[in-house]
PDB file of N, CA and C in Angstrom:
ATOM      1  N   MET A   1     137.877  53.244 101.998  1.00  0.00           N
ATOM      2  CA  MET A   1     138.166  52.088 100.959  1.00  0.00           C
ATOM      3  C   MET A   1     139.336  51.918 100.602  1.00  0.00           C
ATOM      4  N   THR A   2     139.924  50.789 100.457  1.00  0.00           N
ATOM      5  CA  THR A   2     141.408  50.562 100.158  1.00  0.00           C
ATOM      6  C   THR A   2     141.532  50.246  98.833  1.00  0.00           C
ATOM      7  N   LEU A   3     142.704  50.573  98.501  1.00  0.00           N
ATOM      8  CA  LEU A   3     143.042  50.125  96.902  1.00  0.00           C
ATOM      9  C   LEU A   3     142.653  48.692  96.193  1.00  0.00           C
ATOM     10  N   ASP A   4     142.416  47.835  96.962  1.00  0.00           N
ATOM     11  CA  ASP A   4     142.356  46.689  96.592  1.00  0.00           C
ATOM     12  C   ASP A   4     140.887  46.530  96.213  1.00  0.00           C
ATOM     13  N   PHE A   5     140.330  47.279  96.517  1.00  0.00           N
ATOM     14  CA  PHE A   5     138.775  47.119  96.563  1.00  0.00           C
ATOM     15  C   PHE A   5     138.624  48.104  95.017  1.00  0.00           C
ATOM     16  N   LEU A   6     139.568  48.595  94.353  1.00  0.00           N
ATOM     17  CA  LEU A   6     139.078  49.405  93.035  1.00  0.00           C
ATOM     18  C   LEU A   6     138.988  48.218  92.023  1.00  0.00           C
ATOM     19  N   LYS A   7     138.225  48.506  91.024  1.00  0.00           N
ATOM     20  CA  LYS A   7     138.237  47.817  89.943  1.00  0.00           C
ATOM     21  C   LYS A   7     138.921  48.547  88.698  1.00  0.00           C
ATOM     22  N   LYS A   8     139.143  47.423  87.518  1.00  0.00           N
ATOM     23  CA  LYS A   8     139.796  47.887  86.606  1.00  0.00           C
ATOM     24  C   LYS A   8     139.325  49.089  86.074  1.00  0.00           C
ATOM     25  N   SER A   9     140.152  49.973  85.802  1.00  0.00           N
ATOM     26  CA  SER A   9     139.958  51.340  85.150  1.00  0.00           C
ATOM     27  C   SER A   9     139.314  52.326  86.103  1.00  0.00           C
ATOM     28  N   GLN A  10     139.066  51.819  87.350  1.00  0.00           N
ATOM     29  CA  GLN A  10     138.847  53.195  88.138  1.00  0.00           C
ATOM     30  C   GLN A  10     139.917  53.955  88.801  1.00  0.00           C
ATOM     31  N   LYS A  11     139.823  55.090  89.429  1.00  0.00           N
ATOM     32  CA  LYS A  11     140.589  55.876  89.852  1.00  0.00           C
ATOM     33  C   LYS A  11     139.917  56.368  91.196  1.00  0.00           C
ATOM     34  N   GLY A  12     141.418  56.756  91.886  1.00  0.00           N
ATOM     35  CA  GLY A  12     141.159  57.105  92.998  1.00  0.00           C
ATOM     36  C   GLY A  12     142.212  58.080  93.928  1.00  0.00           C
ATOM     37  N   THR A  13     141.714  58.616  94.905  1.00  0.00           N
ATOM     38  CA  THR A  13     142.805  59.738  95.275  1.00  0.00           C
ATOM     39  C   THR A  13     143.111  59.111  96.892  1.00  0.00           C
ATOM     40  N   ILE A  14     144.855  58.795  96.879  1.00  0.00           N
ATOM     41  CA  ILE A  14     145.106  58.242  97.984  1.00  0.00           C
ATOM     42  C   ILE A  14     144.692  59.046  99.224  1.00  0.00           C
ATOM     43  N   ILE A  15     144.367  59.098 100.316  1.00  0.00           N
ATOM     44  CA  ILE A  15     144.163  59.645 101.497  1.00  0.00           C
ATOM     45  C   ILE A  15     144.747  59.343 102.561  1.00  0.00           C
ATOM     46  N   ALA A  16     145.397  57.982 102.772  1.00  0.00           N
ATOM     47  CA  ALA A  16     146.349  57.600 103.746  1.00  0.00           C
ATOM     48  C   ALA A  16     146.946  56.342 103.514  1.00  0.00           C
ATOM     49  N   ILE A  17     148.033  56.328 103.850  1.00  0.00           N
ATOM     50  CA  ILE A  17     148.974  54.901 103.903  1.00  0.00           C
ATOM     51  C   ILE A  17     149.391  54.376 105.301  1.00  0.00           C
ATOM     52  N   ASN A  18     149.549  53.034 105.259  1.00  0.00           N
ATOM     53  CA  ASN A  18     150.124  52.570 106.416  1.00  0.00           C
ATOM     54  C   ASN A  18     151.693  52.537 106.268  1.00  0.00           C
ATOM     55  N   ALA A  19     152.235  53.569 106.677  1.00  0.00           N
ATOM     56  CA  ALA A  19     153.756  53.853 106.464  1.00  0.00           C
ATOM     57  C   ALA A  19     154.402  52.777 107.070  1.00  0.00           C
ATOM     58  N   GLU A  20     153.918  52.001 107.915  1.00  0.00           N
ATOM     59  CA  GLU A  20     154.747  50.975 108.661  1.00  0.00           C
ATOM     60  C   GLU A  20     154.751  49.868 107.532  1.00  0.00           C
ATOM     61  N   LYS A  21     153.769  49.561 106.777  1.00  0.00           N
ATOM     62  CA  LYS A  21     153.890  48.247 106.219  1.00  0.00           C
ATOM     63  C   LYS A  21     154.086  48.772 104.428  1.00  0.00           C
ATOM     64  N   VAL A  22     154.070  49.816 104.202  1.00  0.00           N
ATOM     65  CA  VAL A  22     154.281  50.214 102.883  1.00  0.00           C
ATOM     66  C   VAL A  22     155.605  50.756 102.618  1.00  0.00           C
ATOM     67  N   PRO A  23     156.258  49.843 101.780  1.00  0.00           N
ATOM     68  CA  PRO A  23     157.792  50.168 101.504  1.00  0.00           C
ATOM     69  C   PRO A  23     158.180  51.189 100.857  1.00  0.00           C
ATOM     70  N   LEU A  24     159.128  51.824 101.515  1.00  0.00           N
ATOM     71  CA  LEU A  24     159.682  53.138 101.153  1.00  0.00           C
ATOM     72  C   LEU A  24     159.741  53.637  99.711  1.00  0.00           C
ATOM     73  N   LYS A  25     160.292  52.304  98.941  1.00  0.00           N
ATOM     74  CA  LYS A  25     160.251  52.753  97.598  1.00  0.00           C
ATOM     75  C   LYS A  25     158.994  53.022  97.058  1.00  0.00           C
ATOM     76  N   LEU A  26     158.151  52.305  97.493  1.00  0.00           N
ATOM     77  CA  LEU A  26     156.928  52.734  96.954  1.00  0.00           C
ATOM     78  C   LEU A  26     156.283  54.254  97.141  1.00  0.00           C
ATOM     79  N   ILE A  27     156.459  54.455  98.227  1.00  0.00           N
ATOM     80  CA  ILE A  27     156.283  56.033  98.827  1.00  0.00           C
ATOM     81  C   ILE A  27     157.005  56.838  97.814  1.00  0.00           C
ATOM     82  N   GLU A  28     158.540  56.454  97.615  1.00  0.00           N
ATOM     83  CA  GLU A  28     159.202  57.438  96.764  1.00  0.00           C
ATOM     84  C   GLU A  28     158.680  57.378  95.344  1.00  0.00           C
ATOM     85  N   MET A  29     158.046  56.514  94.950  1.00  0.00           N
ATOM     86  CA  MET A  29     157.563  56.347  93.593  1.00  0.00           C
ATOM     87  C   MET A  29     156.015  57.069  93.524  1.00  0.00           C
ATOM     88  N   GLY A  30     155.706  57.781  94.526  1.00  0.00           N
ATOM     89  CA  GLY A  30     154.401  58.604  94.406  1.00  0.00           C
ATOM     90  C   GLY A  30     153.537  58.103  95.050  1.00  0.00           C
ATOM     91  N   CYS A  31     153.490  56.894  95.908  1.00  0.00           N
ATOM     92  CA  CYS A  31     152.184  56.440  96.705  1.00  0.00           C
ATOM     93  C   CYS A  31     152.144  57.189  97.813  1.00  0.00           C
ATOM     94  N   LEU A  32     151.691  58.483  97.580  1.00  0.00           N
ATOM     95  CA  LEU A  32     151.483  59.595  98.667  1.00  0.00           C
ATOM     96  C   LEU A  32     150.191  60.086  98.853  1.00  0.00           C
ATOM     97  N   PRO A  33     149.661  60.162  99.999  1.00  0.00           N
ATOM     98  CA  PRO A  33     148.323  60.907 100.081  1.00  0.00           C
ATOM     99  C   PRO A  33     148.301  62.252  99.312  1.00  0.00           C
ATOM    100  N   GLY A  34     146.999  62.207  98.518  1.00  0.00           N
ATOM    101  CA  GLY A  34     146.773  63.671  97.686  1.00  0.00           C
ATOM    102  C   GLY A  34     147.055  62.924  96.084  1.00  0.00           C
ATOM    103  N   ASN A  35     147.862  62.000  95.766  1.00  0.00           N
ATOM    104  CA  ASN A  35     147.938  61.464  94.562  1.00  0.00           C
ATOM    105  C   ASN A  35     146.595  60.564  93.957  1.00  0.00           C
ATOM    106  N   ILE A  36     146.648  60.805  92.620  1.00  0.00           N
ATOM    107  CA  ILE A  36     145.532  59.940  92.165  1.00  0.00           C
ATOM    108  C   ILE A  36     146.404  58.450  91.702  1.00  0.00           C
ATOM    109  N   VAL A  37     145.639  57.382  91.872  1.00  0.00           N
ATOM    110  CA  VAL A  37     145.856  56.196  91.622  1.00  0.00           C
ATOM    111  C   VAL A  37     144.635  55.633  90.499  1.00  0.00           C
ATOM    112  N   GLU A  38     145.528  54.770  89.346  1.00  0.00           N
ATOM    113  CA  GLU A  38     144.455  54.147  88.572  1.00  0.00           C
ATOM    114  C   GLU A  38     144.874  52.855  88.551  1.00  0.00           C
ATOM    115  N   VAL A  39     143.547  51.881  88.650  1.00  0.00           N
ATOM    116  CA  VAL A  39     144.008  50.512  88.365  1.00  0.00           C
ATOM    117  C   VAL A  39     143.953  50.215  86.996  1.00  0.00           C
ATOM    118  N   LEU A  40     145.078  49.532  86.366  1.00  0.00           N
ATOM    119  CA  LEU A  40     145.310  49.392  84.993  1.00  0.00           C
ATOM    120  C   LEU A  40     145.025  47.859  84.688  1.00  0.00           C
ATOM    121  N   GLN A  41     145.215  47.067  85.500  1.00  0.00           N
ATOM    122  CA  GLN A  41     144.731  45.605  85.373  1.00  0.00           C
ATOM    123  C   GLN A  41     144.980  44.810  86.584  1.00  0.00           C
ATOM    124  N   ILE A  42     143.993  43.772  86.638  1.00  0.00           N
ATOM    125  CA  ILE A  42     144.141  43.090  87.753  1.00  0.00           C
ATOM    126  C   ILE A  42     144.198  41.350  87.182  1.00  0.00           C
ATOM    127  N   ALA A  43     145.273  40.823  87.605  1.00  0.00           N
ATOM    128  CA  ALA A  43     145.660  39.388  87.582  1.00  0.00           C
ATOM    129  C   ALA A  43     144.439  38.496  87.657  1.00  0.00           C
ATOM    130  N   PRO A  44     144.274  37.435  86.782  1.00  0.00           N
ATOM    131  CA  PRO A  44     143.202  36.547  86.789  1.00  0.00           C
ATOM    132  C   PRO A  44     143.206  35.849  88.357  1.00  0.00           C
ATOM    133  N   LEU A  45     143.954  35.761  88.917  1.00  0.00           N
ATOM    134  CA  LEU A  45     143.354  35.213  90.270  1.00  0.00           C
ATOM    135  C   LEU A  45     143.769  36.450  91.490  1.00  0.00           C
ATOM    136  N   GLN A  46     143.148  37.635  90.800  1.00  0.00           N
ATOM    137  CA  GLN A  46     142.803  38.879  91.737  1.00  0.00           C
ATOM    138  C   GLN A  46     144.271  39.287  92.205  1.00  0.00           C
ATOM    139  N   ASP A  47     145.395  38.632  91.825  1.00  0.00           N
ATOM    140  CA  ASP A  47     146.657  39.126  92.635  1.00  0.00           C
ATOM    141  C   ASP A  47     147.690  38.904  91.502  1.00  0.00           C
ATOM    142  N   PRO A  48     148.526  39.964  91.584  1.00  0.00           N
ATOM    143  CA  PRO A  48     148.872  41.458  91.913  1.00  0.00           C
ATOM    144  C   PRO A  48     148.034  41.938  91.152  1.00  0.00           C
ATOM    145  N   ILE A  49     147.942  43.403  91.531  1.00  0.00           N
ATOM    146  CA  ILE A  49     147.156  44.427  90.583  1.00  0.00           C
ATOM    147  C   ILE A  49     148.161  45.250  90.051  1.00  0.00           C
ATOM    148  N   TYR A  50     148.012  46.066  88.868  1.00  0.00           N
ATOM    149  CA  TYR A  50     148.987  46.706  88.192  1.00  0.00           C
ATOM    150  C   TYR A  50     148.249  48.157  88.234  1.00  0.00           C
ATOM    151  N   ILE A  51     149.142  49.226  88.767  1.00  0.00           N
ATOM    152  CA  ILE A  51     148.452  50.487  89.041  1.00  0.00           C
ATOM    153  C   ILE A  51     149.181  51.608  88.059  1.00  0.00           C
ATOM    154  N   LYS A  52     148.801  52.605  88.158  1.00  0.00           N
ATOM    155  CA  LYS A  52     149.398  53.828  87.675  1.00  0.00           C
ATOM    156  C   LYS A  52     149.123  54.861  88.745  1.00  0.00           C
ATOM    157  N   VAL A  53     150.662  55.399  89.320  1.00  0.00           N
ATOM    158  CA  VAL A  53     150.185  56.564  90.361  1.00  0.00           C
ATOM    159  C   VAL A  53     151.581  57.257  89.812  1.00  0.00           C
ATOM    160  N   ASN A  54     151.141  58.435  89.778  1.00  0.00           N
ATOM    161  CA  ASN A  54     152.265  59.418  89.531  1.00  0.00           C
ATOM    162  C   ASN A  54     153.118  59.417  88.323  1.00  0.00           C
ATOM    163  N   ASP A  55     152.620  58.947  87.089  1.00  0.00           N
ATOM    164  CA  ASP A  55     153.412  58.647  86.099  1.00  0.00           C
ATOM    165  C   ASP A  55     154.152  57.456  86.281  1.00  0.00           C
ATOM    166  N   SER A  56     153.686  56.649  87.307  1.00  0.00           N
ATOM    167  CA  SER A  56     154.839  55.526  87.414  1.00  0.00           C
ATOM    168  C   SER A  56     153.731  54.242  87.682  1.00  0.00           C
ATOM    169  N   PHE A  57     154.205  53.427  86.533  1.00  0.00           N
ATOM    170  CA  PHE A  57     153.502  51.908  86.467  1.00  0.00           C
ATOM    171  C   PHE A  57     153.956  50.911  87.736  1.00  0.00           C
ATOM    172  N   LEU A  58     153.148  50.495  88.290  1.00  0.00           N
ATOM    173  CA  LEU A  58     153.186  49.475  89.433  1.00  0.00           C
ATOM    174  C   LEU A  58     152.660  48.103  89.539  1.00  0.00           C
ATOM    175  N   SER A  59     153.330  47.387  89.746  1.00  0.00           N
ATOM    176  CA  SER A  59     152.739  46.035  90.325  1.00  0.00           C
ATOM    177  C   SER A  59     152.718  45.864  91.561  1.00  0.00           C
ATOM    178  N   ILE A  60     151.579  45.835  92.411  1.00  0.00           N
ATOM    179  CA  ILE A  60     151.588  45.786  93.796  1.00  0.00           C
ATOM    180  C   ILE A  60     150.911  44.345  94.239  1.00  0.00           C
ATOM    181  N   ARG A  61     151.201  43.667  95.129  1.00  0.00           N
ATOM    182  CA  ARG A  61     150.242  42.639  95.768  1.00  0.00           C
ATOM    183  C   ARG A  61     149.199  43.118  96.724  1.00  0.00           C
ATOM    184  N   LYS A  62     148.174  42.336  96.334  1.00  0.00           N
ATOM    185  CA  LYS A  62     146.692  42.961  97.055  1.00  0.00           C
ATOM    186  C   LYS A  62     147.143  43.199  98.624  1.00  0.00           C
ATOM    187  N   ASP A  63     147.826  41.905  99.297  1.00  0.00           N
ATOM    188  CA  ASP A  63     148.099  42.559 100.624  1.00  0.00           C
ATOM    189  C   ASP A  63     148.616  43.947 100.986  1.00  0.00           C
ATOM    190  N   LEU A  64     149.547  44.109 100.068  1.00  0.00           N
ATOM    191  CA  LEU A  64     150.117  45.607 100.093  1.00  0.00           C
ATOM    192  C   LEU A  64     148.792  46.919  99.623  1.00  0.00           C
ATOM    193  N   ALA A  65     148.008  46.499  98.933  1.00  0.00           N
ATOM    194  CA  ALA A  65     147.144  47.504  98.308  1.00  0.00           C
ATOM    195  C   ALA A  65     146.283  47.746  99.577  1.00  0.00           C
ATOM    196  N   LYS A  66     146.038  46.544 100.401  1.00  0.00           N
ATOM    197  CA  LYS A  66     145.233  46.902 101.493  1.00  0.00           C
ATOM    198  C   LYS A  66     145.531  48.013 102.659  1.00  0.00           C
ATOM    199  N   GLU A  67     146.663  48.251 102.399  1.00  0.00           N
ATOM    200  CA  GLU A  67     147.636  49.243 103.744  1.00  0.00           C
ATOM    201  C   GLU A  67     147.138  50.659 102.897  1.00  0.00           C
ATOM    202  N   ILE A  68     146.494  50.707 101.735  1.00  0.00           N
ATOM    203  CA  ILE A  68     146.442  51.954 101.025  1.00  0.00           C
ATOM    204  C   ILE A  68     145.062  52.269 101.010  1.00  0.00           C
ATOM    205  N   GLU A  69     144.505  53.647 101.645  1.00  0.00           N
ATOM    206  CA  GLU A  69     143.195  54.046 101.732  1.00  0.00           C
ATOM    207  C   GLU A  69     143.056  55.106 100.511  1.00  0.00           C
ATOM    208  N   VAL A  70     142.193  54.890 100.039  1.00  0.00           N
ATOM    209  CA  VAL A  70     141.579  55.728  98.503  1.00  0.00           C
ATOM    210  C   VAL A  70     140.285  56.254  98.645  1.00  0.00           C
ATOM    211  N   GLU A  71     140.298  57.321  98.076  1.00  0.00           N
ATOM    212  CA  GLU A  71     138.811  57.911  97.829  1.00  0.00           C
ATOM    213  C   GLU A  71     138.400  57.761  96.419  1.00  0.00           C
ATOM    214  N   LEU A  72     137.409  57.086  96.107  1.00  0.00           N
ATOM    215  CA  LEU A  72     136.796  57.031  94.552  1.00  0.00           C
ATOM    216  C   LEU A  72     136.536  58.190  93.859  1.00  0.00           C
ATOM    217  N   ILE A  73     137.138  58.146  92.773  1.00  0.00           N
ATOM    218  CA  ILE A  73     136.898  59.423  92.223  1.00  0.00           C
ATOM    219  C   ILE A  73     135.847  59.308  91.011  1.00  0.00           C
TER     220      ILE A  73
END
């Protein structure tokens, strides 16, 4: 499953990222395989989503979330 399928308050472990499409800054902030990501908030129109990963709080677009594979915890 990809990160965009997680619902509010769900957590997942990142298992893979598409390094060609995920910005380097996001990778530097901890969006790496093995780290736990939690969906904190989803905007009313379902985009963007607000996440916590590796003690960093990020808001990312749903298109970008589709490039991050997670395993539900």
